[in-house]
């Protein structure tokens, strides 16, 4: 049984991921997480994923939410947008191993899914695996993350 975490999990989707987002929100609640919905709040075929992904990514980077879930049609656009925010380490996840390994080795803090390519059962598996994984913090992993953080600082400076 999932331990009660009550951790805030940011979630967002554009029209391409709206249906999956709504299902994942329910799944999060069932698994003792508190979803924070960054939109879209309704299905709108003309919306744009950056309008939802960027605020979510900023919240993840500021540690206002534990981790984030961004969903668009393929997951690619959401991933590109999320990774533009300093402090976010997002990846498009399409299989189980990367859902935990990305956290364990790379301290991934935002998962991206394709609403048009990822089935609900797979998405639930990936999300729960991602949320329950822990950064190992091995010296080599910390060293690699430091190189990424240095690059982010150079770009901001």
N, C-alpha and C. Protein backbone atom coordinates (compact mmCIF):
# COMPACT_ATOMS: atom_id res chain seq x y z
N UNK A 1 0.83 -1.18 0.00
CA UNK A 1 0.00 0.00 0.00
C UNK A 1 0.87 1.25 0.00
N UNK A 2 0.50 2.23 -0.79
CA UNK A 2 1.21 3.51 -0.88
C UNK A 2 1.14 4.22 0.47
N UNK A 3 2.30 4.64 0.97
CA UNK A 3 2.28 5.40 2.21
C UNK A 3 1.67 6.77 1.95
N UNK A 4 1.10 7.35 2.97
CA UNK A 4 0.46 8.65 2.82
C UNK A 4 1.54 9.72 2.74
N UNK A 5 1.64 10.33 1.56
CA UNK A 5 2.66 11.35 1.40
C UNK A 5 2.05 12.75 1.39
N UNK A 6 0.89 12.89 0.80
CA UNK A 6 0.22 14.18 0.67
C UNK A 6 1.13 15.24 0.06
N UNK A 7 2.05 14.82 -0.78
CA UNK A 7 2.94 15.77 -1.45
C UNK A 7 2.19 16.44 -2.58
N UNK A 8 2.46 17.74 -2.75
CA UNK A 8 1.86 18.49 -3.85
C UNK A 8 2.58 18.13 -5.14
N UNK A 9 1.78 17.74 -6.13
CA UNK A 9 2.30 17.38 -7.44
C UNK A 9 1.67 18.32 -8.46
N UNK A 10 2.49 19.11 -9.12
CA UNK A 10 1.99 19.98 -10.17
C UNK A 10 1.68 19.18 -11.42
N UNK A 11 0.60 19.52 -12.10
CA UNK A 11 0.20 18.82 -13.31
C UNK A 11 -0.40 19.81 -14.28
N UNK A 12 -0.12 19.61 -15.57
CA UNK A 12 -0.71 20.46 -16.59
C UNK A 12 -0.81 19.70 -17.90
N UNK A 13 -1.65 20.23 -18.78
CA UNK A 13 -1.79 19.67 -20.11
C UNK A 13 -2.45 20.68 -21.02
N UNK A 14 -2.11 20.60 -22.29
CA UNK A 14 -2.86 21.33 -23.30
C UNK A 14 -3.96 20.40 -23.81
N UNK A 15 -4.59 20.78 -24.90
CA UNK A 15 -5.69 19.98 -25.44
C UNK A 15 -5.26 18.55 -25.80
N UNK A 16 -4.00 18.38 -26.21
CA UNK A 16 -3.52 17.04 -26.59
C UNK A 16 -3.36 16.10 -25.42
N UNK A 17 -3.28 16.63 -24.23
CA UNK A 17 -3.11 15.79 -23.05
C UNK A 17 -4.20 15.97 -22.01
N UNK A 18 -5.21 16.77 -22.34
CA UNK A 18 -6.24 17.12 -21.36
C UNK A 18 -6.93 15.90 -20.76
N UNK A 19 -7.36 14.98 -21.59
CA UNK A 19 -8.08 13.79 -21.10
C UNK A 19 -7.21 12.96 -20.16
N UNK A 20 -5.95 12.75 -20.54
CA UNK A 20 -5.05 11.99 -19.68
C UNK A 20 -4.77 12.74 -18.38
N UNK A 21 -4.62 14.04 -18.43
CA UNK A 21 -4.39 14.83 -17.22
C UNK A 21 -5.52 14.63 -16.21
N UNK A 22 -6.74 14.68 -16.68
CA UNK A 22 -7.88 14.52 -15.79
C UNK A 22 -7.87 13.15 -15.12
N UNK A 23 -7.49 12.12 -15.85
CA UNK A 23 -7.41 10.77 -15.27
C UNK A 23 -6.26 10.67 -14.28
N UNK A 24 -5.13 11.28 -14.61
CA UNK A 24 -3.97 11.23 -13.72
C UNK A 24 -4.24 12.00 -12.43
N UNK A 25 -4.98 13.10 -12.50
CA UNK A 25 -5.33 13.84 -11.28
C UNK A 25 -6.09 12.93 -10.30
N UNK A 26 -7.05 12.20 -10.80
CA UNK A 26 -7.81 11.26 -9.95
C UNK A 26 -6.88 10.19 -9.39
N UNK A 27 -6.00 9.67 -10.22
CA UNK A 27 -5.04 8.65 -9.81
C UNK A 27 -4.13 9.19 -8.70
N UNK A 28 -3.69 10.43 -8.82
CA UNK A 28 -2.84 11.02 -7.79
C UNK A 28 -3.56 11.08 -6.45
N UNK A 29 -4.80 11.53 -6.47
CA UNK A 29 -5.59 11.61 -5.24
C UNK A 29 -5.75 10.23 -4.62
N UNK A 30 -6.04 9.23 -5.45
CA UNK A 30 -6.20 7.85 -4.96
C UNK A 30 -4.93 7.33 -4.32
N UNK A 31 -3.78 7.88 -4.72
CA UNK A 31 -2.49 7.44 -4.19
C UNK A 31 -1.90 8.43 -3.19
N UNK A 32 -2.79 9.22 -2.57
CA UNK A 32 -2.42 10.09 -1.45
C UNK A 32 -1.49 11.25 -1.84
N UNK A 33 -1.57 11.70 -3.09
CA UNK A 33 -0.85 12.90 -3.51
C UNK A 33 -1.88 14.01 -3.67
N UNK A 34 -1.42 15.25 -3.64
CA UNK A 34 -2.28 16.41 -3.80
C UNK A 34 -1.97 17.09 -5.13
N UNK A 35 -2.78 16.85 -6.15
CA UNK A 35 -2.51 17.48 -7.44
C UNK A 35 -2.78 18.98 -7.40
N UNK A 36 -1.87 19.74 -8.01
CA UNK A 36 -2.05 21.17 -8.19
C UNK A 36 -2.16 21.37 -9.70
N UNK A 37 -3.34 21.74 -10.16
CA UNK A 37 -3.63 21.81 -11.60
C UNK A 37 -3.25 23.18 -12.16
N UNK A 38 -2.28 23.19 -13.07
CA UNK A 38 -1.83 24.40 -13.72
C UNK A 38 -2.55 24.64 -15.05
N UNK A 39 -3.57 23.85 -15.33
CA UNK A 39 -4.36 24.00 -16.55
C UNK A 39 -3.92 22.98 -17.59
N UNK A 40 -4.63 22.93 -18.61
CA UNK A 40 -5.84 23.66 -18.94
C UNK A 40 -7.00 23.19 -18.04
N UNK A 41 -7.88 24.12 -17.77
CA UNK A 41 -9.02 23.82 -16.91
C UNK A 41 -10.20 23.26 -17.70
N UNK A 42 -10.15 23.45 -19.03
CA UNK A 42 -11.19 22.90 -19.90
C UNK A 42 -10.55 22.55 -21.23
N UNK A 43 -11.18 21.69 -21.97
CA UNK A 43 -10.67 21.29 -23.28
C UNK A 43 -10.86 22.43 -24.27
N UNK A 44 -9.76 22.90 -24.84
CA UNK A 44 -9.77 23.98 -25.82
C UNK A 44 -8.74 23.63 -26.89
N UNK A 45 -9.22 23.25 -28.06
CA UNK A 45 -8.34 22.80 -29.15
C UNK A 45 -7.36 23.87 -29.64
N UNK A 46 -7.55 25.12 -29.20
CA UNK A 46 -6.67 26.20 -29.67
C UNK A 46 -5.64 26.63 -28.63
N UNK A 47 -5.58 25.94 -27.48
CA UNK A 47 -4.63 26.36 -26.45
C UNK A 47 -3.20 25.94 -26.82
N UNK A 48 -2.24 26.50 -26.10
CA UNK A 48 -0.82 26.27 -26.37
C UNK A 48 -0.12 25.75 -25.12
N UNK A 49 0.61 24.63 -25.24
CA UNK A 49 1.24 24.00 -24.08
C UNK A 49 2.17 24.92 -23.29
N UNK A 50 2.93 25.85 -23.90
CA UNK A 50 3.80 26.69 -23.05
C UNK A 50 3.04 27.50 -22.01
N UNK A 51 1.79 27.84 -22.31
CA UNK A 51 0.99 28.63 -21.36
C UNK A 51 0.76 27.89 -20.05
N UNK A 52 0.84 26.57 -20.06
CA UNK A 52 0.63 25.76 -18.86
C UNK A 52 1.94 25.18 -18.34
N UNK A 53 2.81 24.77 -19.25
CA UNK A 53 4.06 24.12 -18.87
C UNK A 53 5.01 25.08 -18.17
N UNK A 54 5.14 26.29 -18.67
CA UNK A 54 6.09 27.24 -18.07
C UNK A 54 5.72 27.57 -16.62
N UNK A 55 4.46 27.90 -16.30
CA UNK A 55 4.13 28.13 -14.88
C UNK A 55 4.37 26.89 -14.01
N UNK A 56 4.05 25.71 -14.54
CA UNK A 56 4.32 24.48 -13.79
C UNK A 56 5.82 24.33 -13.54
N UNK A 57 6.62 24.50 -14.58
CA UNK A 57 8.07 24.34 -14.45
C UNK A 57 8.65 25.33 -13.46
N UNK A 58 8.17 26.56 -13.48
CA UNK A 58 8.64 27.56 -12.52
C UNK A 58 8.29 27.16 -11.10
N UNK A 59 7.13 26.57 -10.90
CA UNK A 59 6.72 26.10 -9.57
C UNK A 59 7.59 24.93 -9.11
N UNK A 60 7.94 24.04 -10.03
CA UNK A 60 8.84 22.92 -9.70
C UNK A 60 10.21 23.47 -9.32
N UNK A 61 10.73 24.39 -10.12
CA UNK A 61 12.06 24.96 -9.85
C UNK A 61 12.09 25.69 -8.51
N UNK A 62 10.99 26.34 -8.15
CA UNK A 62 10.90 27.07 -6.89
C UNK A 62 10.58 26.16 -5.70
N UNK A 63 10.40 24.87 -6.00
CA UNK A 63 10.06 23.87 -4.98
C UNK A 63 8.72 24.15 -4.29
N UNK A 64 7.82 24.81 -5.02
CA UNK A 64 6.47 25.03 -4.51
C UNK A 64 5.64 23.76 -4.60
N UNK A 65 6.03 22.88 -5.53
CA UNK A 65 5.45 21.54 -5.63
C UNK A 65 6.61 20.55 -5.58
N UNK A 66 6.33 19.34 -5.14
CA UNK A 66 7.36 18.31 -5.02
C UNK A 66 7.95 17.96 -6.37
N UNK A 67 7.09 17.65 -7.32
CA UNK A 67 7.50 17.32 -8.69
C UNK A 67 6.37 17.71 -9.64
N UNK A 68 6.66 17.62 -10.94
CA UNK A 68 5.67 18.02 -11.93
C UNK A 68 5.41 16.97 -12.98
N UNK A 69 4.21 17.07 -13.57
CA UNK A 69 3.78 16.20 -14.67
C UNK A 69 3.23 17.11 -15.75
N UNK A 70 3.82 17.08 -16.93
CA UNK A 70 3.36 17.90 -18.05
C UNK A 70 2.97 16.98 -19.20
N UNK A 71 1.80 17.23 -19.77
CA UNK A 71 1.28 16.36 -20.82
C UNK A 71 0.85 17.22 -22.01
N UNK A 72 1.34 16.86 -23.18
CA UNK A 72 0.84 17.44 -24.42
C UNK A 72 0.60 16.26 -25.37
N UNK A 73 0.35 16.52 -26.62
CA UNK A 73 0.02 15.43 -27.54
C UNK A 73 1.08 14.33 -27.59
N UNK A 74 2.33 14.72 -27.84
CA UNK A 74 3.42 13.75 -27.90
C UNK A 74 4.28 13.76 -26.65
N UNK A 75 4.23 14.83 -25.89
CA UNK A 75 5.11 15.02 -24.74
C UNK A 75 6.38 15.78 -25.09
N UNK A 76 6.70 15.86 -26.37
CA UNK A 76 7.94 16.50 -26.81
C UNK A 76 7.92 18.01 -26.55
N UNK A 77 6.87 18.68 -26.99
CA UNK A 77 6.79 20.13 -26.78
C UNK A 77 6.83 20.50 -25.31
N UNK A 78 6.10 19.75 -24.50
CA UNK A 78 6.09 20.00 -23.06
C UNK A 78 7.49 19.85 -22.48
N UNK A 79 8.22 18.87 -22.93
CA UNK A 79 9.57 18.62 -22.44
C UNK A 79 10.52 19.75 -22.84
N UNK A 80 10.42 20.18 -24.09
CA UNK A 80 11.27 21.28 -24.55
C UNK A 80 10.99 22.54 -23.73
N UNK A 81 9.72 22.87 -23.56
CA UNK A 81 9.35 24.08 -22.81
C UNK A 81 9.81 23.99 -21.36
N UNK A 82 9.58 22.86 -20.71
CA UNK A 82 9.93 22.71 -19.29
C UNK A 82 11.43 22.87 -19.08
N UNK A 83 12.22 22.33 -19.97
CA UNK A 83 13.68 22.39 -19.81
C UNK A 83 14.27 23.77 -20.06
N UNK A 84 13.47 24.71 -20.50
CA UNK A 84 13.94 26.09 -20.66
C UNK A 84 13.97 26.83 -19.32
N UNK A 85 13.35 26.26 -18.31
CA UNK A 85 13.30 26.88 -16.98
C UNK A 85 14.48 26.35 -16.16
N UNK A 86 15.33 27.27 -15.72
CA UNK A 86 16.50 26.90 -14.92
C UNK A 86 16.07 26.14 -13.67
N UNK A 87 16.73 25.02 -13.41
CA UNK A 87 16.43 24.21 -12.23
C UNK A 87 15.49 23.07 -12.52
N UNK A 88 14.94 23.02 -13.71
CA UNK A 88 14.05 21.93 -14.09
C UNK A 88 14.84 20.90 -14.87
N UNK A 89 14.61 19.65 -14.52
CA UNK A 89 15.21 18.53 -15.23
C UNK A 89 14.06 17.63 -15.67
N UNK A 90 13.58 17.88 -16.87
CA UNK A 90 12.40 17.18 -17.40
C UNK A 90 12.82 16.17 -18.45
N UNK A 91 12.03 15.10 -18.55
CA UNK A 91 12.27 14.10 -19.59
C UNK A 91 10.95 13.54 -20.07
N UNK A 92 10.92 13.23 -21.35
CA UNK A 92 9.78 12.54 -21.94
C UNK A 92 9.93 11.07 -21.60
N UNK A 93 8.95 10.52 -20.90
CA UNK A 93 9.02 9.14 -20.43
C UNK A 93 8.04 8.27 -21.21
N UNK A 94 8.59 7.19 -21.76
CA UNK A 94 7.77 6.25 -22.53
C UNK A 94 7.91 4.81 -22.04
N UNK A 95 8.72 4.63 -20.98
CA UNK A 95 8.89 3.28 -20.43
C UNK A 95 9.29 3.36 -18.95
N UNK A 96 9.13 2.25 -18.26
CA UNK A 96 9.27 2.16 -16.81
C UNK A 96 10.68 2.51 -16.30
N UNK A 97 11.72 1.98 -16.92
CA UNK A 97 13.08 2.15 -16.41
C UNK A 97 13.45 3.62 -16.27
N UNK A 98 13.21 4.40 -17.30
CA UNK A 98 13.59 5.82 -17.26
C UNK A 98 12.76 6.61 -16.26
N UNK A 99 11.57 6.14 -15.95
CA UNK A 99 10.72 6.83 -14.97
C UNK A 99 11.37 6.87 -13.60
N UNK A 100 12.12 5.82 -13.23
CA UNK A 100 12.82 5.84 -11.93
C UNK A 100 14.29 6.20 -12.09
N UNK A 101 14.93 5.73 -13.14
CA UNK A 101 16.36 6.00 -13.32
C UNK A 101 16.62 7.48 -13.51
N UNK A 102 15.70 8.19 -14.17
CA UNK A 102 15.87 9.62 -14.35
C UNK A 102 15.91 10.38 -13.04
N UNK A 103 15.19 9.90 -12.06
CA UNK A 103 15.22 10.50 -10.72
C UNK A 103 16.46 10.03 -9.98
N UNK A 104 16.71 8.73 -9.97
CA UNK A 104 17.81 8.15 -9.19
C UNK A 104 19.16 8.72 -9.60
N UNK A 105 19.41 8.85 -10.90
CA UNK A 105 20.73 9.29 -11.38
C UNK A 105 20.78 10.77 -11.74
N UNK A 106 19.69 11.32 -12.27
CA UNK A 106 19.72 12.67 -12.83
C UNK A 106 18.85 13.67 -12.07
N UNK A 107 18.26 13.25 -10.97
CA UNK A 107 17.41 14.11 -10.14
C UNK A 107 16.30 14.77 -10.96
N UNK A 108 15.74 14.00 -11.89
CA UNK A 108 14.63 14.48 -12.71
C UNK A 108 13.50 14.93 -11.79
N UNK A 109 12.95 16.11 -12.07
CA UNK A 109 11.89 16.62 -11.21
C UNK A 109 10.59 16.93 -11.96
N UNK A 110 10.57 16.63 -13.24
CA UNK A 110 9.36 16.84 -14.03
C UNK A 110 9.28 15.77 -15.10
N UNK A 111 8.16 15.09 -15.16
CA UNK A 111 7.95 14.03 -16.13
C UNK A 111 7.03 14.55 -17.22
N UNK A 112 7.34 14.22 -18.46
CA UNK A 112 6.52 14.61 -19.59
C UNK A 112 5.94 13.36 -20.24
N UNK A 113 4.67 13.45 -20.57
CA UNK A 113 3.96 12.33 -21.18
C UNK A 113 3.24 12.79 -22.44
N UNK A 114 3.03 11.86 -23.34
CA UNK A 114 2.28 12.13 -24.56
C UNK A 114 0.85 11.66 -24.42
N UNK A 115 -0.07 12.58 -24.36
CA UNK A 115 -1.48 12.23 -24.20
C UNK A 115 -2.05 11.45 -25.36
N UNK A 116 -1.43 11.58 -26.54
CA UNK A 116 -1.90 10.87 -27.72
C UNK A 116 -1.15 9.58 -27.97
N UNK A 117 -0.11 9.32 -27.16
CA UNK A 117 0.69 8.11 -27.40
C UNK A 117 0.83 7.21 -26.18
N UNK A 118 0.51 7.72 -24.99
CA UNK A 118 0.66 6.94 -23.76
C UNK A 118 -0.71 6.57 -23.22
N UNK A 119 -0.95 5.28 -23.07
CA UNK A 119 -2.21 4.83 -22.50
C UNK A 119 -2.30 5.15 -21.03
N UNK A 120 -3.50 5.16 -20.51
CA UNK A 120 -3.73 5.54 -19.12
C UNK A 120 -3.01 4.61 -18.14
N UNK A 121 -3.08 3.31 -18.34
CA UNK A 121 -2.44 2.37 -17.42
C UNK A 121 -0.92 2.56 -17.41
N UNK A 122 -0.33 2.75 -18.58
CA UNK A 122 1.11 2.99 -18.65
C UNK A 122 1.46 4.31 -17.98
N UNK A 123 0.67 5.34 -18.25
CA UNK A 123 0.92 6.66 -17.64
C UNK A 123 0.87 6.56 -16.12
N UNK A 124 -0.10 5.85 -15.59
CA UNK A 124 -0.20 5.69 -14.13
C UNK A 124 1.04 5.00 -13.59
N UNK A 125 1.49 3.96 -14.27
CA UNK A 125 2.70 3.23 -13.85
C UNK A 125 3.91 4.17 -13.86
N UNK A 126 4.08 4.91 -14.94
CA UNK A 126 5.24 5.81 -15.06
C UNK A 126 5.20 6.89 -13.98
N UNK A 127 4.03 7.47 -13.75
CA UNK A 127 3.89 8.54 -12.77
C UNK A 127 4.19 8.04 -11.36
N UNK A 128 3.63 6.91 -10.98
CA UNK A 128 3.86 6.39 -9.63
C UNK A 128 5.33 6.00 -9.45
N UNK A 129 5.93 5.42 -10.45
CA UNK A 129 7.35 5.06 -10.40
C UNK A 129 8.19 6.32 -10.22
N UNK A 130 7.90 7.35 -11.01
CA UNK A 130 8.60 8.63 -10.94
C UNK A 130 8.45 9.27 -9.55
N UNK A 131 7.25 9.29 -9.03
CA UNK A 131 7.00 9.96 -7.76
C UNK A 131 7.58 9.22 -6.56
N UNK A 132 7.74 7.93 -6.68
CA UNK A 132 8.28 7.13 -5.57
C UNK A 132 9.79 6.95 -5.64
N UNK A 133 10.41 7.39 -6.73
CA UNK A 133 11.87 7.26 -6.88
C UNK A 133 12.57 8.35 -6.08
N UNK A 134 13.82 8.07 -5.71
CA UNK A 134 14.63 8.99 -4.92
C UNK A 134 15.99 9.17 -5.58
N UNK A 135 16.47 10.39 -5.59
CA UNK A 135 17.81 10.70 -6.10
C UNK A 135 18.84 10.01 -5.23
N UNK A 136 19.72 9.24 -5.84
CA UNK A 136 20.74 8.47 -5.11
C UNK A 136 21.82 9.39 -4.54
N UNK A 137 22.21 10.39 -5.31
CA UNK A 137 23.20 11.35 -4.82
C UNK A 137 24.63 10.87 -4.86
N UNK A 138 24.91 9.88 -5.71
CA UNK A 138 26.29 9.41 -5.85
C UNK A 138 27.16 10.56 -6.36
N UNK A 139 28.43 10.52 -6.00
CA UNK A 139 29.35 11.61 -6.36
C UNK A 139 29.31 11.91 -7.85
N UNK A 140 29.32 10.90 -8.69
CA UNK A 140 29.33 11.12 -10.13
C UNK A 140 28.05 11.81 -10.61
N UNK A 141 26.93 11.50 -9.97
CA UNK A 141 25.67 12.13 -10.35
C UNK A 141 25.64 13.59 -9.92
N UNK A 142 26.13 13.86 -8.74
CA UNK A 142 26.20 15.24 -8.23
C UNK A 142 27.15 16.06 -9.10
N UNK A 143 28.27 15.47 -9.48
CA UNK A 143 29.24 16.16 -10.34
C UNK A 143 28.60 16.53 -11.68
N UNK A 144 27.87 15.60 -12.26
CA UNK A 144 27.22 15.85 -13.56
C UNK A 144 26.16 16.94 -13.44
N UNK A 145 25.38 16.90 -12.38
CA UNK A 145 24.37 17.93 -12.18
C UNK A 145 25.00 19.30 -11.97
N UNK A 146 26.16 19.33 -11.31
CA UNK A 146 26.88 20.58 -11.12
C UNK A 146 27.28 21.21 -12.45
N UNK A 147 27.66 20.39 -13.39
CA UNK A 147 28.02 20.90 -14.72
C UNK A 147 26.81 21.51 -15.42
N UNK A 148 25.66 20.91 -15.23
CA UNK A 148 24.42 21.45 -15.83
C UNK A 148 24.05 22.76 -15.14
N UNK A 149 24.14 22.78 -13.82
CA UNK A 149 23.82 24.01 -13.08
C UNK A 149 24.77 25.15 -13.47
N UNK A 150 26.03 24.83 -13.70
CA UNK A 150 26.99 25.85 -14.14
C UNK A 150 26.56 26.43 -15.48
N UNK A 151 26.14 25.60 -16.39
CA UNK A 151 25.67 26.06 -17.70
C UNK A 151 24.44 26.95 -17.55
N UNK A 152 23.52 26.56 -16.69
CA UNK A 152 22.31 27.38 -16.45
C UNK A 152 22.71 28.75 -15.90
N UNK A 153 23.67 28.79 -15.00
CA UNK A 153 24.14 30.05 -14.44
C UNK A 153 24.79 30.92 -15.47
N UNK A 154 25.55 30.32 -16.38
CA UNK A 154 26.21 31.09 -17.45
C UNK A 154 25.17 31.70 -18.38
N UNK A 155 24.10 30.95 -18.66
CA UNK A 155 23.08 31.45 -19.56
C UNK A 155 22.28 32.57 -18.91
N UNK A 156 22.13 32.53 -17.58
CA UNK A 156 21.36 33.56 -16.89
C UNK A 156 22.19 34.80 -16.64
N UNK A 157 23.52 34.64 -16.56
CA UNK A 157 24.39 35.75 -16.18
C UNK A 157 24.69 36.73 -17.24
